Every structure is written in structure tokens, then in C-alpha cells.
Protein backbone atom coordinates (compact mmCIF):
# COMPACT_ATOMS: atom_id res chain seq x y z
CA UNK A 1 35.18 18.74 -172.50
CA UNK A 2 37.26 15.62 -171.75
CA UNK A 3 37.29 12.45 -169.99
CA UNK A 4 38.93 11.75 -167.14
CA UNK A 5 38.41 7.36 -167.48
CA UNK A 6 40.43 5.29 -170.06
CA UNK A 7 38.27 2.99 -171.92
CA UNK A 8 39.48 -0.13 -169.63
CA UNK A 9 38.64 1.94 -166.36
CA UNK A 10 35.27 2.40 -167.82
CA UNK A 11 35.03 -1.34 -168.40
CA UNK A 12 36.79 -2.00 -164.85
CA UNK A 13 33.80 0.12 -163.46
CA UNK A 14 31.16 -1.55 -165.22
CA UNK A 15 32.19 -4.99 -164.33
CA UNK A 16 31.91 -3.76 -160.59
CA UNK A 17 28.13 -3.43 -161.76
CA UNK A 18 27.14 -5.67 -165.00
CA UNK A 19 28.50 -9.44 -165.04
CA UNK A 20 29.24 -10.72 -168.49
CA UNK A 21 28.57 -8.90 -171.90
CA UNK A 22 32.33 -8.44 -172.05
CA UNK A 23 32.21 -7.38 -175.87
CA UNK A 24 29.34 -4.69 -175.93
CA UNK A 25 31.17 -3.60 -172.39
CA UNK A 26 34.25 -2.45 -174.52
CA UNK A 27 32.66 -1.40 -177.35
CA UNK A 28 30.36 1.34 -175.28
CA UNK A 29 34.04 2.01 -173.26
CA UNK A 30 35.43 2.77 -176.48
CA UNK A 31 32.29 4.75 -177.78
CA UNK A 32 31.97 6.98 -174.54
CA UNK A 33 35.74 7.75 -175.05
CA UNK A 34 35.58 8.62 -178.19
CA UNK A 35 32.17 10.78 -177.65
CA UNK A 36 33.81 12.62 -174.98
CA UNK A 37 37.04 13.53 -177.58
CA UNK A 38 34.80 14.59 -180.50
CA UNK A 39 33.73 17.23 -177.37
CA UNK A 40 36.96 17.88 -177.20
CA UNK A 41 38.30 18.36 -180.29
CA UNK A 42 35.17 20.68 -181.26
CA UNK A 43 35.81 22.85 -178.28
CA UNK A 44 39.79 23.08 -179.26
CA UNK A 45 38.46 24.42 -182.72
CA UNK A 46 40.15 21.49 -184.52
CA UNK A 47 39.00 18.96 -186.96
CA UNK A 48 35.26 18.53 -186.31
CA UNK A 49 34.99 14.72 -185.54
CA UNK A 50 30.79 13.73 -185.95
CA UNK A 51 29.13 11.58 -183.36
CA UNK A 52 28.97 8.03 -183.26
CA UNK A 53 25.16 6.85 -181.64
CA UNK A 54 25.26 3.33 -180.74
CA UNK A 55 22.50 0.25 -181.68
CA UNK A 56 22.92 -2.55 -178.83
CA UNK A 57 21.09 -6.06 -179.92
CA UNK A 58 20.11 -8.68 -177.49
CA UNK A 59 17.28 -10.46 -176.12
CA UNK A 60 15.18 -8.86 -173.18
CA UNK A 61 16.66 -9.21 -169.66
CA UNK A 62 20.23 -9.16 -171.30
CA UNK A 63 21.26 -5.78 -169.90
CA UNK A 64 21.15 -3.71 -172.50
CA UNK A 65 19.29 -0.65 -169.75
CA UNK A 66 21.66 -1.70 -166.97
CA UNK A 67 24.76 -1.24 -169.00
CA UNK A 68 23.68 2.39 -169.80
CA UNK A 69 22.38 3.28 -166.63
CA UNK A 70 25.78 2.01 -164.64
CA UNK A 71 27.38 4.20 -167.77
CA UNK A 72 25.95 7.23 -167.44
CA UNK A 73 26.25 6.77 -162.73
CA UNK A 74 29.77 5.82 -163.88
CA UNK A 75 30.37 9.25 -165.58
CA UNK A 76 27.72 11.40 -163.42
CA UNK A 77 25.87 12.08 -166.85
CA UNK A 78 22.32 12.33 -166.85
CA UNK A 79 20.34 9.82 -168.62
CA UNK A 80 16.72 8.97 -169.12
CA UNK A 81 15.20 5.88 -171.02
CA UNK A 82 12.51 6.29 -173.36
CA UNK A 83 10.37 3.17 -174.96
CA UNK A 84 9.87 3.26 -179.46
CA UNK A 85 6.80 1.26 -179.11
CA UNK A 86 4.91 4.25 -177.02
CA UNK A 87 6.57 6.91 -179.26
CA UNK A 88 5.14 5.15 -182.29
CA UNK A 89 1.65 4.75 -180.76
CA UNK A 90 1.18 8.52 -180.07
CA UNK A 91 0.17 11.09 -183.04
CA UNK A 92 2.15 13.81 -181.36
CA UNK A 93 5.62 11.97 -181.71
CA UNK A 94 7.25 16.10 -181.88
CA UNK A 95 5.72 16.27 -177.96
CA UNK A 96 7.21 12.68 -176.74
CA UNK A 97 10.38 13.37 -178.00
CA UNK A 98 10.24 16.67 -176.33
CA UNK A 99 9.40 15.19 -173.34
CA UNK A 100 12.44 13.00 -173.38
CA UNK A 101 14.75 15.99 -173.58
CA UNK A 102 12.69 17.66 -170.83
CA UNK A 103 13.17 14.61 -168.49
CA UNK A 104 17.03 14.97 -169.38
CA UNK A 105 17.14 18.34 -168.25
CA UNK A 106 15.17 17.91 -165.25
CA UNK A 107 17.84 14.66 -164.53
CA UNK A 108 20.89 17.64 -164.85
CA UNK A 109 19.31 19.43 -162.26
CA UNK A 110 17.88 22.13 -164.41
CA UNK A 111 21.46 22.49 -166.35
CA UNK A 112 21.20 22.75 -170.00
CA UNK A 113 25.10 22.53 -170.39
CA UNK A 114 24.88 19.35 -168.37
CA UNK A 115 21.82 17.89 -170.25
CA UNK A 116 23.24 18.56 -173.69
CA UNK A 117 26.18 16.28 -172.46
CA UNK A 118 23.77 13.60 -171.36
CA UNK A 119 22.50 10.15 -172.42
CA UNK A 120 19.27 8.76 -173.81
CA UNK A 121 18.17 5.31 -174.10
CA UNK A 122 15.62 4.49 -176.68
CA UNK A 123 14.95 0.96 -176.42
CA UNK A 124 13.01 -1.61 -178.66
CA UNK A 125 13.69 0.52 -181.47
CA UNK A 126 13.24 -3.06 -183.71
CA UNK A 127 9.29 -2.72 -183.12
CA UNK A 128 9.47 0.73 -185.20
CA UNK A 129 9.27 -1.82 -188.12
CA UNK A 130 6.32 -3.30 -190.10
CA UNK A 131 5.09 -6.90 -189.44
CA UNK A 132 6.17 -9.36 -192.46
CA UNK A 133 4.61 -9.07 -195.61
CA UNK A 134 3.92 -5.65 -195.00
CA UNK A 135 5.19 -2.54 -196.12
CA UNK A 136 7.13 -0.34 -193.20
CA UNK A 137 4.79 1.08 -190.82
CA UNK A 138 3.87 4.48 -191.73
CA UNK A 139 4.45 4.83 -187.59
CA UNK A 140 7.11 3.08 -186.93
CA UNK A 141 8.65 4.79 -190.06
CA UNK A 142 7.96 8.29 -188.98
CA UNK A 143 9.66 8.29 -185.58
CA UNK A 144 12.48 7.25 -187.32
CA UNK A 145 12.47 10.14 -189.09
CA UNK A 146 11.38 12.13 -186.32
CA UNK A 147 14.29 10.65 -184.09
CA UNK A 148 16.70 11.47 -186.44
CA UNK A 149 17.25 15.23 -186.38
CA UNK A 150 18.06 14.80 -182.47
CA UNK A 151 20.01 12.19 -183.05
CA UNK A 152 22.12 13.89 -185.93
CA UNK A 153 22.26 17.68 -183.82
CA UNK A 154 19.75 19.81 -183.39
CA UNK A 155 18.55 22.86 -181.51
CA UNK A 156 15.51 21.27 -179.96
CA UNK A 157 12.86 24.54 -178.33
CA UNK A 158 10.93 23.12 -175.40
CA UNK A 159 7.35 24.55 -174.57
CA UNK A 160 9.14 26.22 -171.43
CA UNK A 161 11.12 28.59 -173.95
CA UNK A 162 14.50 27.24 -173.42
CA UNK A 163 16.43 25.21 -176.12
CA UNK A 164 18.04 22.36 -175.47
CA UNK A 165 20.98 21.29 -178.20
CA UNK A 166 21.17 17.91 -179.25
CA UNK A 167 24.56 17.79 -180.77
CA UNK A 168 26.89 16.43 -177.83
CA UNK A 169 23.84 13.73 -176.66
CA UNK A 170 24.78 10.46 -177.25
CA UNK A 171 21.65 8.24 -178.18
CA UNK A 172 21.93 4.57 -177.50
CA UNK A 173 19.43 2.20 -179.48
CA UNK A 174 18.46 -1.00 -178.17
CA UNK A 175 16.49 -3.45 -179.17
CA UNK A 176 15.94 -7.73 -179.13
CA UNK A 177 15.73 -7.71 -182.95
CA UNK A 178 14.18 -11.14 -183.27
CA UNK A 179 14.75 -12.55 -186.84
CA UNK A 180 18.30 -10.66 -187.54
CA UNK A 181 20.64 -13.61 -187.23
CA UNK A 182 18.66 -15.16 -190.13
CA UNK A 183 19.24 -12.07 -192.19
CA UNK A 184 22.84 -12.31 -191.08
CA UNK A 185 22.69 -16.10 -192.50
CA UNK A 186 21.66 -15.02 -196.10
CA UNK A 187 24.41 -12.14 -196.33
CA UNK A 188 27.12 -13.54 -194.91
CA UNK A 189 26.90 -17.25 -196.67
CA UNK A 190 29.06 -15.73 -199.34
CA UNK A 191 32.05 -15.12 -197.06
CA UNK A 192 33.93 -11.65 -196.47
CA UNK A 193 37.01 -11.82 -198.45
CA UNK A 194 39.94 -13.81 -199.55
CA UNK A 195 42.03 -14.79 -197.00
CA UNK A 196 45.93 -15.77 -196.94
CA UNK A 197 47.87 -18.12 -194.91
CA UNK A 198 49.21 -15.44 -192.53
CA UNK A 199 45.70 -13.64 -191.72
CA UNK A 200 44.51 -13.83 -188.31
CA UNK A 201 41.30 -15.58 -188.67
CA UNK A 202 39.70 -14.19 -185.24
CA UNK A 203 39.86 -10.97 -186.51
CA UNK A 204 38.95 -12.33 -190.25
CA UNK A 205 35.60 -13.86 -188.43
CA UNK A 206 34.51 -11.18 -186.33
CA UNK A 207 34.27 -9.14 -189.73
CA UNK A 208 32.47 -11.33 -191.51
CA UNK A 209 29.81 -11.80 -188.50
CA UNK A 210 29.55 -7.99 -188.30
CA UNK A 211 26.08 -6.41 -188.60
CA UNK A 212 26.34 -3.91 -191.56
CA UNK A 213 23.87 -1.44 -192.05
CA UNK A 214 22.55 -3.63 -195.34
CA UNK A 215 21.00 -6.35 -192.69
CA UNK A 216 19.42 -3.18 -190.52
CA UNK A 217 17.78 -2.37 -193.57
CA UNK A 218 16.18 -5.66 -194.55
CA UNK A 219 15.24 -5.83 -191.24
CA UNK A 220 13.19 -2.86 -191.74
CA UNK A 221 15.62 0.08 -190.55
CA UNK A 222 15.34 3.31 -192.69
CA UNK A 223 18.63 3.88 -194.32
CA UNK A 224 18.58 7.24 -192.53
CA UNK A 225 17.93 6.19 -189.38
CA UNK A 226 20.66 2.84 -189.56
CA UNK A 227 23.07 5.29 -190.84
CA UNK A 228 22.73 7.06 -187.31
CA UNK A 229 23.77 4.24 -185.10
CA UNK A 230 27.54 3.59 -186.68
CA UNK A 231 28.58 1.77 -184.19
CA UNK A 232 26.62 -1.63 -183.22
CA UNK A 233 27.43 -4.42 -180.47
CA UNK A 234 25.41 -7.16 -179.30
CA UNK A 235 24.31 -8.34 -176.07
CA UNK A 236 23.85 -12.70 -175.50
CA UNK A 237 21.75 -14.99 -173.71
CA UNK A 238 22.66 -15.11 -170.65
CA UNK A 239 23.66 -18.42 -169.33
CA UNK A 240 22.96 -20.32 -165.71
CA UNK A 241 26.48 -19.16 -164.28
CA UNK A 242 25.79 -15.79 -165.34
CA UNK A 243 22.54 -15.60 -163.94
CA UNK A 244 24.11 -16.92 -160.69
CA UNK A 245 26.98 -14.27 -160.67
CA UNK A 246 24.14 -11.69 -161.46
CA UNK A 247 22.52 -12.71 -157.78
CA UNK A 248 25.47 -12.50 -155.68
CA UNK A 249 28.67 -11.08 -157.47
CA UNK A 250 27.69 -7.13 -158.21
CA UNK A 251 27.94 -4.38 -155.53
CA UNK A 252 24.58 -4.32 -155.70
CA UNK A 253 23.68 -7.66 -156.17
CA UNK A 254 19.75 -8.64 -154.65
CA UNK A 255 21.48 -11.24 -152.04
CA UNK A 256 23.92 -8.24 -150.80
CA UNK A 257 21.03 -5.99 -150.92
CA UNK A 258 18.56 -8.09 -148.45
CA UNK A 259 21.62 -9.04 -146.50
CA UNK A 260 22.23 -5.77 -145.71
CA UNK A 261 18.72 -4.80 -144.45
CA UNK A 262 18.70 -7.52 -141.93
CA UNK A 263 21.99 -6.70 -140.83
CA UNK A 264 20.41 -3.76 -139.77
CA UNK A 265 17.92 -5.50 -137.68
CA UNK A 266 20.72 -7.30 -136.18
CA UNK A 267 19.94 -10.72 -138.29
CA UNK A 268 22.36 -12.82 -140.58
CA UNK A 269 21.19 -13.90 -144.08
CA UNK A 270 23.08 -17.13 -145.20
CA UNK A 271 21.99 -18.72 -148.69
CA UNK A 272 23.21 -21.61 -149.53
CA UNK A 273 25.02 -22.10 -153.30
CA UNK A 274 22.23 -24.39 -154.92
CA UNK A 275 19.40 -21.70 -153.87
CA UNK A 276 20.90 -19.38 -156.25
CA UNK A 277 21.12 -22.36 -159.24
CA UNK A 278 17.47 -22.75 -158.72
CA UNK A 279 16.45 -19.59 -159.19
CA UNK A 280 18.41 -19.29 -162.42
CA UNK A 281 17.27 -22.23 -163.73
CA UNK A 282 13.49 -20.63 -162.46
CA UNK A 283 14.73 -17.80 -164.92
CA UNK A 284 15.46 -19.28 -167.70
CA UNK A 285 12.36 -21.15 -167.80
CA UNK A 286 10.47 -17.45 -167.49
CA UNK A 287 12.47 -16.75 -170.51
CA UNK A 288 13.02 -13.12 -169.49
CA UNK A 289 16.68 -13.00 -168.77
CA UNK A 290 17.90 -11.19 -165.50
CA UNK A 291 14.62 -9.48 -165.32
CA UNK A 292 12.74 -12.53 -163.77
CA UNK A 293 15.98 -13.06 -160.87
CA UNK A 294 14.58 -10.00 -158.69
CA UNK A 295 10.92 -11.01 -158.20
CA UNK A 296 11.72 -14.71 -157.25
CA UNK A 297 13.87 -13.65 -154.78
CA UNK A 298 11.75 -10.90 -153.05
CA UNK A 299 9.00 -13.65 -153.47
CA UNK A 300 10.92 -16.25 -151.42
CA UNK A 301 12.19 -13.57 -148.66
CA UNK A 302 8.45 -12.75 -148.15
CA UNK A 303 7.82 -15.11 -145.02
CA UNK A 304 11.74 -14.20 -143.65
CA UNK A 305 10.83 -10.58 -143.84
CA UNK A 306 6.94 -10.17 -142.39
CA UNK A 307 8.14 -12.06 -139.45
CA UNK A 308 11.57 -10.85 -138.74
CA UNK A 309 10.55 -7.52 -137.27
CA UNK A 310 8.44 -8.98 -134.73
CA UNK A 311 10.57 -11.31 -133.85
CA UNK A 312 14.29 -9.84 -132.03
CA UNK A 313 15.10 -13.19 -130.73
CA UNK A 314 15.95 -14.02 -134.26
CA UNK A 315 19.39 -13.74 -135.49
CA UNK A 316 20.04 -16.10 -138.61
CA UNK A 317 18.51 -16.92 -141.53
CA UNK A 318 19.21 -19.78 -143.24
CA UNK A 319 17.34 -21.13 -146.66
CA UNK A 320 18.57 -24.51 -147.75
CA UNK A 321 16.69 -24.74 -150.94
CA UNK A 322 14.26 -22.32 -152.78
CA UNK A 323 11.33 -25.32 -152.17
CA UNK A 324 11.87 -25.48 -148.17
CA UNK A 325 10.77 -22.90 -145.30
CA UNK A 326 13.66 -20.51 -144.22
CA UNK A 327 14.98 -21.66 -140.54
CA UNK A 328 15.11 -18.69 -138.70
CA UNK A 329 17.07 -19.26 -135.20
CA UNK A 330 18.36 -17.22 -132.57
């Protein structure tokens, strides 16, 4: 099996739907390209290349799930999400993991071959560590061990008797990893390597800032689990400008969605630029990243969406401020 899209083309497609996070996009694009190359290499019976699963580190609302969902949609691969916290709260981790794979199979329309090339995103893996000052949580550690086998690649028997091989399923893990920066500060204060005047300082700085497996161990992941996530990239806090762009630029931006809904009723929606800034400021205050944007926008539109169906004479809706009533005109 091979992939038709080059890394640069994958990034270009991601840019249509996801604002910012350029480094993470590039890392994901290269990783997925390499993943398909590995499958093609195995199929051609040449040098066998091992799978490289991915770890996305970033605060809530920075786009980890959106990136993975969009990537799977671009590549037309089945995709499911799981929550590591939920896995840690159950006594039957094996059953829950099997349920994840069953959902992946459902997303593939029952096609096992397609499911075995899918993507599984496991969020909040940072919650599998113990609280500070305590030994590693038994439940968290057991979940890490349980995930190891399927992340590495193994046949899993489902309850209906079918088997699904996870060897070529790409696992992407995510988490906020609060406190990791403090660990990085401690582990990187001694410098990286001796430098010469002709060395590229940007490359050296990037290598020095790289999150190492030992940093993840210090954080609380077990060595085997950290070792199954060789590709690590970071997503950064969204700025006000990025939040404004998220509201307006992507193909499926919330503003475009409401414009399309109202256009179906022959109504033009015009939201002034300052309104998007006000929404972004409020979202930053809520400290939930892009997750807050839809809720704030939806709330702003409630009176409009309530009034338009009852008043066919309305042809234009103008919103000049988040804190003023919308103007409805014919």
C-alpha cells in the first residue's frame, strides 16, 4: 500500500481546515507519509521498517483532536478517539480496548482490511501518571501496559470471533502534560553539545528543546510506553489572532456555517470584524482554547435563528458587537 499525497500536500490540505500549529502539521504529515511507506515496504518484502506512533503535547483546545480527525478525513481512513482517563477508571481495560477496535471496524464499514490501516487517537494519556509525591497509579500504569501490545502491533480477537491486526494501525496519543516544561528546564540547563561557529544555531536549538524519552519517564510514563511514541510534537496555546482566524478562515469555520444556514432562507449574515475579536477575548478568558468559540458564537446567534423562520421579510442580519442586539433588516 502506498500513499498518494506528499507531506507538503498533506500540510496544504490540513491548512484548509486547521489554523496555525505549523510544526505539528509538518510532523504529522511526515509521520503519516512514513507510515504508509512502511506498509508499502512490508508489502514488497523489502527491509521491514518499524511503526512510529505519535505523541501530541499541548493544552486543551489547541487542536489535537481536530488535527487527527482532519488527517483521517483527508486520507479517507477510519478514525476513532478514546479517553485514557476513562480507560483508567475501568476494571476491564482489555474489554475497553477491544471496544475501541470494534468502533474502528464500524467506522471502516466492517472492512477489516481498511480498519487495520486506520488511526486511533488516545487523549489525556498524561493522566495515566500518579499525582505528585505518590508512586505511579496502579490503574494508570496498567492502562499503559495494556496499550503497549496493541500499539506495537498484535492480533486482537473481538467478541464476535473476528481478529483485527493492529500492526498497521497508527496510534496517536495526546495530552496537556502540565509540568513537563519544568522538567525540560531542569534537563536542558546543561546545554546540548559543543558548538562550532559554522553550526546552524536554529537546528541546535531545536534539538536542545526536543522532548526526550527521559523527560516523559520523569513525568510519569513507563519506559515501554514512552518508547512506543518515538515521534513527539508540541501544539502551542492559541493566540487571539489565531482564534479570530479559526472563526472565519477554515472551510468549515463556524461563521461560514451560519452564513450557509441563513443563506438557505435567503438571508445574508454580516458580522463585523470587532465581533470576532470580542469572541476570541472571551474564549481566552474561559481558558478552553478553541473549544469555547462555537458555544459563544451559537449563543450570539440564538435570537437571530429564532426570529428568521417567523419573519420571511428579513433579508439581512448585521452584528456589530457581541454586546449589542443584532440588526435585522429587509
